Amino acid sequence: MPYISGLNNKDGRLIIINEADWSVEVNKETTASPEDGYEETVDAGTKLVVFRRTSGEIEAYGNVTPSETSIYPPPEPEYDWTSYLGPYEVLGIPCMYWEPNPDFEYGTWDSGNEEWDSEVNSGNSHYLLSLKAMSEPTPWVSGFRPTRIRISFTDGNVPDYTSLRFMDSNYNALVDVGGDGRVDITEDKQVVDITFGSRNLTYIVLEAGEEGSPGDSFSVSDIEFTEDE
């Protein structure tokens, strides 16, 4: 879809003419907006772009080729996110979505702040949060096939060299992202696309630290998934 765009620092009228047949494609009043500029969708082909200012001054540019790229970034897609962070209830029974992985006990639930806190691995000084999906009293991950995940870090603090992994009950990588299934997390609430096969999600592991260097501690204030309908 072709676009004509530019700066607009004065009030007036914008006229865009198709030079192929001299038809008028755009004829509209404009309001000065030097920071945002203007952008109009037009047909293919060169244009004559005319500004008629309220003062009577006219600026005209001929043989203008429309751009195929908008000056404005596409809007962020909107998803229906559901939190799977901490306590919830089923028929009045208190439940937890996660527990610290009993095989690699890194991470604790802070009920006061409602967040998961990482713990240090004394072997490499990396900080980890290793969680296992609870299967009792309800196996909520059985058949659960989310398409995206996003992690909220407390105060938006994402340590350098943070990665995220998804694994099944045998510690096999579930998400096809290459290598051992690690996804680099560089910002708070980063949306990660995920594609599960037939196996259920059992573990998620967040790790902060570069190989050969210590990492920084972090806390997670939300774990959200969304499913495409």
C-alpha atoms as a PDB file:
ATOM      1  CA  MET A   1       0.000   0.000   0.000  1.00  0.00           C
ATOM      2  CA  PRO A   2       1.733   3.232  -1.160  1.00  0.00           C
ATOM      3  CA  TYR A   3       2.081   6.216   1.157  1.00  0.00           C
ATOM      4  CA  ILE A   4       2.882   9.907   0.791  1.00  0.00           C
ATOM      5  CA  SER A   5       4.265  11.392   3.999  1.00  0.00           C
ATOM      6  CA  GLY A   6       6.165  14.417   5.204  1.00  0.00           C
ATOM      7  CA  LEU A   7       6.429  17.233   7.713  1.00  0.00           C
ATOM      8  CA  ASN A   8       3.599  19.637   8.412  1.00  0.00           C
ATOM      9  CA  ASN A   9       4.558  22.709  10.434  1.00  0.00           C
ATOM     10  CA  LYS A  10       1.830  25.098   9.233  1.00  0.00           C
ATOM     11  CA  ASP A  11      -1.953  25.066   8.935  1.00  0.00           C
ATOM     12  CA  GLY A  12      -3.383  24.898   5.437  1.00  0.00           C
ATOM     13  CA  ARG A  13      -4.572  22.456   2.791  1.00  0.00           C
ATOM     14  CA  LEU A  14      -2.889  19.382   1.379  1.00  0.00           C
ATOM     15  CA  ILE A  15      -3.617  18.382  -2.231  1.00  0.00           C
ATOM     16  CA  ILE A  16      -2.149  15.263  -3.824  1.00  0.00           C
ATOM     17  CA  ILE A  17      -2.616  14.820  -7.563  1.00  0.00           C
ATOM     18  CA  ASN A  18      -1.984  11.676  -9.575  1.00  0.00           C
ATOM     19  CA  GLU A  19       0.357  12.699 -12.407  1.00  0.00           C
ATOM     20  CA  ALA A  20      -0.827   9.798 -14.580  1.00  0.00           C
ATOM     21  CA  ASP A  21      -4.264  11.339 -15.184  1.00  0.00           C
ATOM     22  CA  TRP A  22      -4.127  14.521 -13.033  1.00  0.00           C
ATOM     23  CA  SER A  23      -6.943  13.328 -10.810  1.00  0.00           C
ATOM     24  CA  VAL A  24      -7.046  14.600  -7.254  1.00  0.00           C
ATOM     25  CA  GLU A  25      -6.474  11.789  -4.742  1.00  0.00           C
ATOM     26  CA  VAL A  26      -6.250  13.878  -1.567  1.00  0.00           C
ATOM     27  CA  ASN A  27      -7.787  17.275  -0.849  1.00  0.00           C
ATOM     28  CA  LYS A  28      -7.997  18.055   2.842  1.00  0.00           C
ATOM     29  CA  GLU A  29      -7.341  20.703   5.445  1.00  0.00           C
ATOM     30  CA  THR A  30      -4.297  20.151   7.600  1.00  0.00           C
ATOM     31  CA  THR A  31      -3.337  21.274  11.083  1.00  0.00           C
ATOM     32  CA  ALA A  32       0.261  21.966  11.996  1.00  0.00           C
ATOM     33  CA  SER A  33       1.840  18.933  13.618  1.00  0.00           C
ATOM     34  CA  PRO A  34       5.617  19.231  13.274  1.00  0.00           C
ATOM     35  CA  GLU A  35       6.340  16.274  15.547  1.00  0.00           C
ATOM     36  CA  ASP A  36       3.949  13.779  13.947  1.00  0.00           C
ATOM     37  CA  GLY A  37       3.922  14.980  10.339  1.00  0.00           C
ATOM     38  CA  TYR A  38       1.331  13.586   7.950  1.00  0.00           C
ATOM     39  CA  GLU A  39       0.772  10.399   5.998  1.00  0.00           C
ATOM     40  CA  GLU A  40      -1.774   9.651   3.275  1.00  0.00           C
ATOM     41  CA  THR A  41      -2.591   6.416   1.474  1.00  0.00           C
ATOM     42  CA  VAL A  42      -2.507   6.868  -2.302  1.00  0.00           C
ATOM     43  CA  ASP A  43      -2.512   4.860  -5.517  1.00  0.00           C
ATOM     44  CA  ALA A  44       0.690   3.761  -7.222  1.00  0.00           C
ATOM     45  CA  GLY A  45       2.455   6.207  -9.547  1.00  0.00           C
ATOM     46  CA  THR A  46       4.137   9.591  -9.238  1.00  0.00           C
ATOM     47  CA  LYS A  47       2.313  12.485  -7.550  1.00  0.00           C
ATOM     48  CA  LEU A  48       2.179  16.240  -7.459  1.00  0.00           C
ATOM     49  CA  VAL A  49       2.070  17.247  -3.793  1.00  0.00           C
ATOM     50  CA  VAL A  50       0.778  20.765  -3.082  1.00  0.00           C
ATOM     51  CA  PHE A  51       0.528  22.655   0.220  1.00  0.00           C
ATOM     52  CA  ARG A  52      -1.620  25.763   0.283  1.00  0.00           C
ATOM     53  CA  ARG A  53      -0.963  27.518   3.582  1.00  0.00           C
ATOM     54  CA  THR A  54      -3.587  29.673   5.263  1.00  0.00           C
ATOM     55  CA  SER A  55      -1.313  32.634   4.552  1.00  0.00           C
ATOM     56  CA  GLY A  56      -1.699  31.983   0.801  1.00  0.00           C
ATOM     57  CA  GLU A  57       1.821  30.618   0.400  1.00  0.00           C
ATOM     58  CA  ILE A  58       2.035  27.561  -1.861  1.00  0.00           C
ATOM     59  CA  GLU A  59       4.627  24.782  -1.821  1.00  0.00           C
ATOM     60  CA  ALA A  60       4.548  22.175  -4.579  1.00  0.00           C
ATOM     61  CA  TYR A  61       6.635  19.107  -5.353  1.00  0.00           C
ATOM     62  CA  GLY A  62       6.237  17.125  -8.565  1.00  0.00           C
ATOM     63  CA  ASN A  63       7.318  13.639  -9.596  1.00  0.00           C
ATOM     64  CA  VAL A  64       6.994  12.375  -6.004  1.00  0.00           C
ATOM     65  CA  THR A  65       7.174   8.585  -5.764  1.00  0.00           C
ATOM     66  CA  PRO A  66       5.087   7.106  -2.948  1.00  0.00           C
ATOM     67  CA  SER A  67       6.795   4.949  -0.365  1.00  0.00           C
ATOM     68  CA  GLU A  68       5.774   1.344   0.190  1.00  0.00           C
ATOM     69  CA  THR A  69       6.549   1.689   3.895  1.00  0.00           C
ATOM     70  CA  SER A  70       4.519   3.613   6.439  1.00  0.00           C
ATOM     71  CA  ILE A  71       6.327   6.107   8.678  1.00  0.00           C
ATOM     72  CA  TYR A  72       4.256   4.809  11.570  1.00  0.00           C
ATOM     73  CA  PRO A  73       5.000   1.439  13.182  1.00  0.00           C
ATOM     74  CA  PRO A  74       2.177  -1.084  12.979  1.00  0.00           C
ATOM     75  CA  PRO A  75       0.028  -1.206  16.102  1.00  0.00           C
ATOM     76  CA  GLU A  76       0.902  -3.815  18.679  1.00  0.00           C
ATOM     77  CA  PRO A  77      -1.448  -6.790  18.404  1.00  0.00           C
ATOM     78  CA  GLU A  78      -3.862  -7.197  21.285  1.00  0.00           C
ATOM     79  CA  TYR A  79      -4.137 -10.548  23.002  1.00  0.00           C
ATOM     80  CA  ASP A  80      -6.301 -11.845  25.820  1.00  0.00           C
ATOM     81  CA  TRP A  81      -3.756 -12.637  28.508  1.00  0.00           C
ATOM     82  CA  THR A  82      -4.465 -14.890  31.497  1.00  0.00           C
ATOM     83  CA  SER A  83      -2.272 -14.879  34.594  1.00  0.00           C
ATOM     84  CA  TYR A  84      -0.809 -18.170  35.818  1.00  0.00           C
ATOM     85  CA  LEU A  85       1.377 -16.782  38.584  1.00  0.00           C
ATOM     86  CA  GLY A  86       0.430 -17.882  42.065  1.00  0.00           C
ATOM     87  CA  PRO A  87      -2.547 -18.916  44.176  1.00  0.00           C
ATOM     88  CA  TYR A  88      -5.992 -19.650  42.744  1.00  0.00           C
ATOM     89  CA  GLU A  89      -9.018 -21.637  43.815  1.00  0.00           C
ATOM     90  CA  VAL A  90     -10.964 -24.584  42.397  1.00  0.00           C
ATOM     91  CA  LEU A  91     -14.319 -25.162  44.064  1.00  0.00           C
ATOM     92  CA  GLY A  92     -13.041 -23.268  47.083  1.00  0.00           C
ATOM     93  CA  ILE A  93      -9.856 -25.359  47.296  1.00  0.00           C
ATOM     94  CA  PRO A  94      -6.636 -23.285  47.447  1.00  0.00           C
ATOM     95  CA  CYS A  95      -4.258 -24.188  44.606  1.00  0.00           C
ATOM     96  CA  MET A  96      -0.952 -23.060  43.157  1.00  0.00           C
ATOM     97  CA  TYR A  97      -0.058 -23.082  39.478  1.00  0.00           C
ATOM     98  CA  TRP A  98       3.615 -23.739  40.214  1.00  0.00           C
ATOM     99  CA  GLU A  99       5.959 -25.120  42.823  1.00  0.00           C
ATOM    100  CA  PRO A 100       9.756 -24.913  43.023  1.00  0.00           C
ATOM    101  CA  ASN A 101      11.182 -27.702  40.895  1.00  0.00           C
ATOM    102  CA  PRO A 102      11.988 -30.459  43.428  1.00  0.00           C
ATOM    103  CA  ASP A 103      14.899 -31.661  41.253  1.00  0.00           C
ATOM    104  CA  PHE A 104      16.512 -28.216  41.021  1.00  0.00           C
ATOM    105  CA  GLU A 105      15.209 -26.127  43.880  1.00  0.00           C
ATOM    106  CA  TYR A 106      15.847 -22.599  42.704  1.00  0.00           C
ATOM    107  CA  GLY A 107      13.126 -20.107  43.516  1.00  0.00           C
ATOM    108  CA  THR A 108      10.743 -19.253  46.321  1.00  0.00           C
ATOM    109  CA  TRP A 109       7.206 -17.907  46.449  1.00  0.00           C
ATOM    110  CA  ASP A 110       6.956 -14.567  48.277  1.00  0.00           C
ATOM    111  CA  SER A 111       3.333 -14.490  49.413  1.00  0.00           C
ATOM    112  CA  GLY A 112       3.665 -11.003  50.879  1.00  0.00           C
ATOM    113  CA  ASN A 113       4.709  -9.427  47.591  1.00  0.00           C
ATOM    114  CA  GLU A 114       2.995 -12.048  45.414  1.00  0.00           C
ATOM    115  CA  GLU A 115       6.058 -12.786  43.343  1.00  0.00           C
ATOM    116  CA  TRP A 116       8.507 -15.570  42.590  1.00  0.00           C
ATOM    117  CA  ASP A 117      12.073 -14.778  43.686  1.00  0.00           C
ATOM    118  CA  SER A 118      15.152 -16.231  42.019  1.00  0.00           C
ATOM    119  CA  GLU A 119      17.926 -17.988  43.898  1.00  0.00           C
ATOM    120  CA  VAL A 120      21.630 -18.222  43.180  1.00  0.00           C
ATOM    121  CA  ASN A 121      23.313 -21.331  41.797  1.00  0.00           C
ATOM    122  CA  SER A 122      26.502 -21.631  43.830  1.00  0.00           C
ATOM    123  CA  GLY A 123      28.147 -23.554  41.005  1.00  0.00           C
ATOM    124  CA  ASN A 124      28.162 -20.751  38.426  1.00  0.00           C
ATOM    125  CA  SER A 125      26.729 -17.783  40.385  1.00  0.00           C
ATOM    126  CA  HIS A 126      23.795 -17.528  37.987  1.00  0.00           C
ATOM    127  CA  TYR A 127      20.365 -16.708  39.383  1.00  0.00           C
ATOM    128  CA  LEU A 128      17.588 -19.137  38.510  1.00  0.00           C
ATOM    129  CA  LEU A 129      13.870 -19.544  38.890  1.00  0.00           C
ATOM    130  CA  SER A 130      13.002 -23.176  38.173  1.00  0.00           C
ATOM    131  CA  LEU A 131       9.287 -23.962  38.429  1.00  0.00           C
ATOM    132  CA  LYS A 132       7.264 -27.116  37.999  1.00  0.00           C
ATOM    133  CA  ALA A 133       3.593 -27.039  37.063  1.00  0.00           C
ATOM    134  CA  MET A 134       1.434 -28.384  39.891  1.00  0.00           C
ATOM    135  CA  SER A 135      -0.623 -31.445  39.031  1.00  0.00           C
ATOM    136  CA  GLU A 136      -2.706 -31.507  42.225  1.00  0.00           C
ATOM    137  CA  PRO A 137      -5.509 -30.907  42.937  1.00  0.00           C
ATOM    138  CA  THR A 138      -6.031 -30.181  39.234  1.00  0.00           C
ATOM    139  CA  PRO A 139      -3.648 -30.969  36.334  1.00  0.00           C
ATOM    140  CA  TRP A 140      -4.144 -27.572  34.728  1.00  0.00           C
ATOM    141  CA  VAL A 141      -1.400 -28.061  32.117  1.00  0.00           C
ATOM    142  CA  SER A 142      -2.864 -31.292  30.741  1.00  0.00           C
ATOM    143  CA  GLY A 143      -3.728 -30.476  27.136  1.00  0.00           C
ATOM    144  CA  PHE A 144      -2.832 -26.819  27.719  1.00  0.00           C
ATOM    145  CA  ARG A 145      -1.441 -25.423  24.456  1.00  0.00           C
ATOM    146  CA  PRO A 146      -0.786 -21.697  24.817  1.00  0.00           C
ATOM    147  CA  THR A 147       0.581 -19.805  21.839  1.00  0.00           C
ATOM    148  CA  ARG A 148       2.396 -17.009  23.680  1.00  0.00           C
ATOM    149  CA  ILE A 149       3.902 -16.240  27.048  1.00  0.00           C
ATOM    150  CA  ARG A 150       5.064 -13.041  28.669  1.00  0.00           C
ATOM    151  CA  ILE A 151       6.923 -12.612  31.948  1.00  0.00           C
ATOM    152  CA  SER A 152       6.539  -9.529  34.136  1.00  0.00           C
ATOM    153  CA  PHE A 153       9.581  -8.722  36.237  1.00  0.00           C
ATOM    154  CA  THR A 154       9.191  -6.822  39.492  1.00  0.00           C
ATOM    155  CA  ASP A 155       9.854  -3.110  38.848  1.00  0.00           C
ATOM    156  CA  GLY A 156      10.531  -4.041  35.207  1.00  0.00           C
ATOM    157  CA  ASN A 157      14.026  -5.173  36.204  1.00  0.00           C
ATOM    158  CA  VAL A 158      15.294  -7.676  33.620  1.00  0.00           C
ATOM    159  CA  PRO A 159      18.907  -8.714  34.302  1.00  0.00           C
ATOM    160  CA  ASP A 160      21.392  -8.942  31.458  1.00  0.00           C
ATOM    161  CA  TYR A 161      21.737 -12.360  29.830  1.00  0.00           C
ATOM    162  CA  THR A 162      18.343 -13.644  30.942  1.00  0.00           C
ATOM    163  CA  SER A 163      16.917 -16.689  29.174  1.00  0.00           C
ATOM    164  CA  LEU A 164      13.689 -18.677  29.346  1.00  0.00           C
ATOM    165  CA  ARG A 165      13.205 -22.406  28.731  1.00  0.00           C
ATOM    166  CA  PHE A 166      10.124 -24.655  28.495  1.00  0.00           C
ATOM    167  CA  MET A 167      10.446 -28.389  29.156  1.00  0.00           C
ATOM    168  CA  ASP A 168       8.297 -31.496  29.407  1.00  0.00           C
ATOM    169  CA  SER A 169       8.380 -34.029  32.261  1.00  0.00           C
ATOM    170  CA  ASN A 170      11.597 -35.560  30.854  1.00  0.00           C
ATOM    171  CA  TYR A 171      13.325 -32.176  30.588  1.00  0.00           C
ATOM    172  CA  ASN A 172      13.090 -32.173  26.804  1.00  0.00           C
ATOM    173  CA  ALA A 173      12.773 -28.746  25.220  1.00  0.00           C
ATOM    174  CA  LEU A 174       9.147 -28.159  24.256  1.00  0.00           C
ATOM    175  CA  VAL A 175       9.452 -25.076  22.122  1.00  0.00           C
ATOM    176  CA  ASP A 176      11.188 -25.159  18.772  1.00  0.00           C
ATOM    177  CA  VAL A 177      13.491 -22.160  19.076  1.00  0.00           C
ATOM    178  CA  GLY A 178      16.732 -23.942  18.288  1.00  0.00           C
ATOM    179  CA  GLY A 179      19.484 -25.316  20.497  1.00  0.00           C
ATOM    180  CA  ASP A 180      18.294 -26.311  23.956  1.00  0.00           C
ATOM    181  CA  GLY A 181      15.103 -24.309  23.672  1.00  0.00           C
ATOM    182  CA  ARG A 182      16.418 -21.134  25.279  1.00  0.00           C
ATOM    183  CA  VAL A 183      14.740 -17.839  24.456  1.00  0.00           C
ATOM    184  CA  ASP A 184      16.629 -14.640  25.251  1.00  0.00           C
ATOM    185  CA  ILE A 185      14.573 -12.276  27.405  1.00  0.00           C
ATOM    186  CA  THR A 186      15.706  -8.686  27.011  1.00  0.00           C
ATOM    187  CA  GLU A 187      12.718  -6.654  28.191  1.00  0.00           C
ATOM    188  CA  ASP A 188       9.858  -6.715  30.655  1.00  0.00           C
ATOM    189  CA  LYS A 189       6.638  -8.284  29.359  1.00  0.00           C
ATOM    190  CA  GLN A 190       8.433  -9.543  26.255  1.00  0.00           C
ATOM    191  CA  VAL A 191       6.006 -11.561  24.140  1.00  0.00           C
ATOM    192  CA  VAL A 192       7.414 -14.974  23.199  1.00  0.00           C
ATOM    193  CA  ASP A 193       5.652 -17.057  20.560  1.00  0.00           C
ATOM    194  CA  ILE A 194       5.545 -20.728  21.492  1.00  0.00           C
ATOM    195  CA  THR A 195       4.511 -23.838  19.578  1.00  0.00           C
ATOM    196  CA  PHE A 196       3.902 -26.985  21.579  1.00  0.00           C
ATOM    197  CA  GLY A 197       3.639 -30.454  20.146  1.00  0.00           C
ATOM    198  CA  SER A 198       1.728 -33.254  21.827  1.00  0.00           C
ATOM    199  CA  ARG A 199       3.613 -33.114  25.133  1.00  0.00           C
ATOM    200  CA  ASN A 200       2.466 -31.145  28.161  1.00  0.00           C
ATOM    201  CA  LEU A 201       4.336 -28.241  29.676  1.00  0.00           C
ATOM    202  CA  THR A 202       5.945 -29.290  32.960  1.00  0.00           C
ATOM    203  CA  TYR A 203       8.832 -26.940  33.700  1.00  0.00           C
ATOM    204  CA  ILE A 204       9.759 -23.353  32.992  1.00  0.00           C
ATOM    205  CA  VAL A 205      13.221 -22.069  33.865  1.00  0.00           C
ATOM    206  CA  LEU A 206      14.418 -18.473  33.945  1.00  0.00           C
ATOM    207  CA  GLU A 207      18.171 -17.998  34.239  1.00  0.00           C
ATOM    208  CA  ALA A 208      20.189 -14.794  34.542  1.00  0.00           C
ATOM    209  CA  GLY A 209      23.914 -14.866  33.889  1.00  0.00           C
ATOM    210  CA  GLU A 210      26.437 -15.034  31.061  1.00  0.00           C
ATOM    211  CA  GLU A 211      28.618 -18.108  30.675  1.00  0.00           C
ATOM    212  CA  GLY A 212      31.674 -17.627  32.875  1.00  0.00           C
ATOM    213  CA  SER A 213      30.208 -14.619  34.685  1.00  0.00           C
ATOM    214  CA  PRO A 214      27.854 -14.188  37.656  1.00  0.00           C
ATOM    215  CA  GLY A 215      24.260 -13.091  37.140  1.00  0.00           C
ATOM    216  CA  ASP A 216      21.898 -10.730  38.941  1.00  0.00           C
ATOM    217  CA  SER A 217      18.908 -11.616  41.078  1.00  0.00           C
ATOM    218  CA  PHE A 218      15.374 -11.000  39.837  1.00  0.00           C
ATOM    219  CA  SER A 219      11.749 -11.469  40.835  1.00  0.00           C
ATOM    220  CA  VAL A 220       8.762 -12.364  38.672  1.00  0.00           C
ATOM    221  CA  SER A 221       5.468 -10.595  39.354  1.00  0.00           C
ATOM    222  CA  ASP A 222       3.414 -12.300  36.645  1.00  0.00           C
ATOM    223  CA  ILE A 223       3.462 -15.239  34.243  1.00  0.00           C
ATOM    224  CA  GLU A 224       0.844 -14.879  31.516  1.00  0.00           C
ATOM    225  CA  PHE A 225      -0.241 -17.071  28.640  1.00  0.00           C
ATOM    226  CA  THR A 226      -2.600 -16.509  25.743  1.00  0.00           C
ATOM    227  CA  GLU A 227      -4.244 -19.009  23.435  1.00  0.00           C
ATOM    228  CA  ASP A 228      -5.384 -18.326  19.877  1.00  0.00           C
ATOM    229  CA  GLU A 229      -9.014 -19.158  19.330  1.00  0.00           C
END
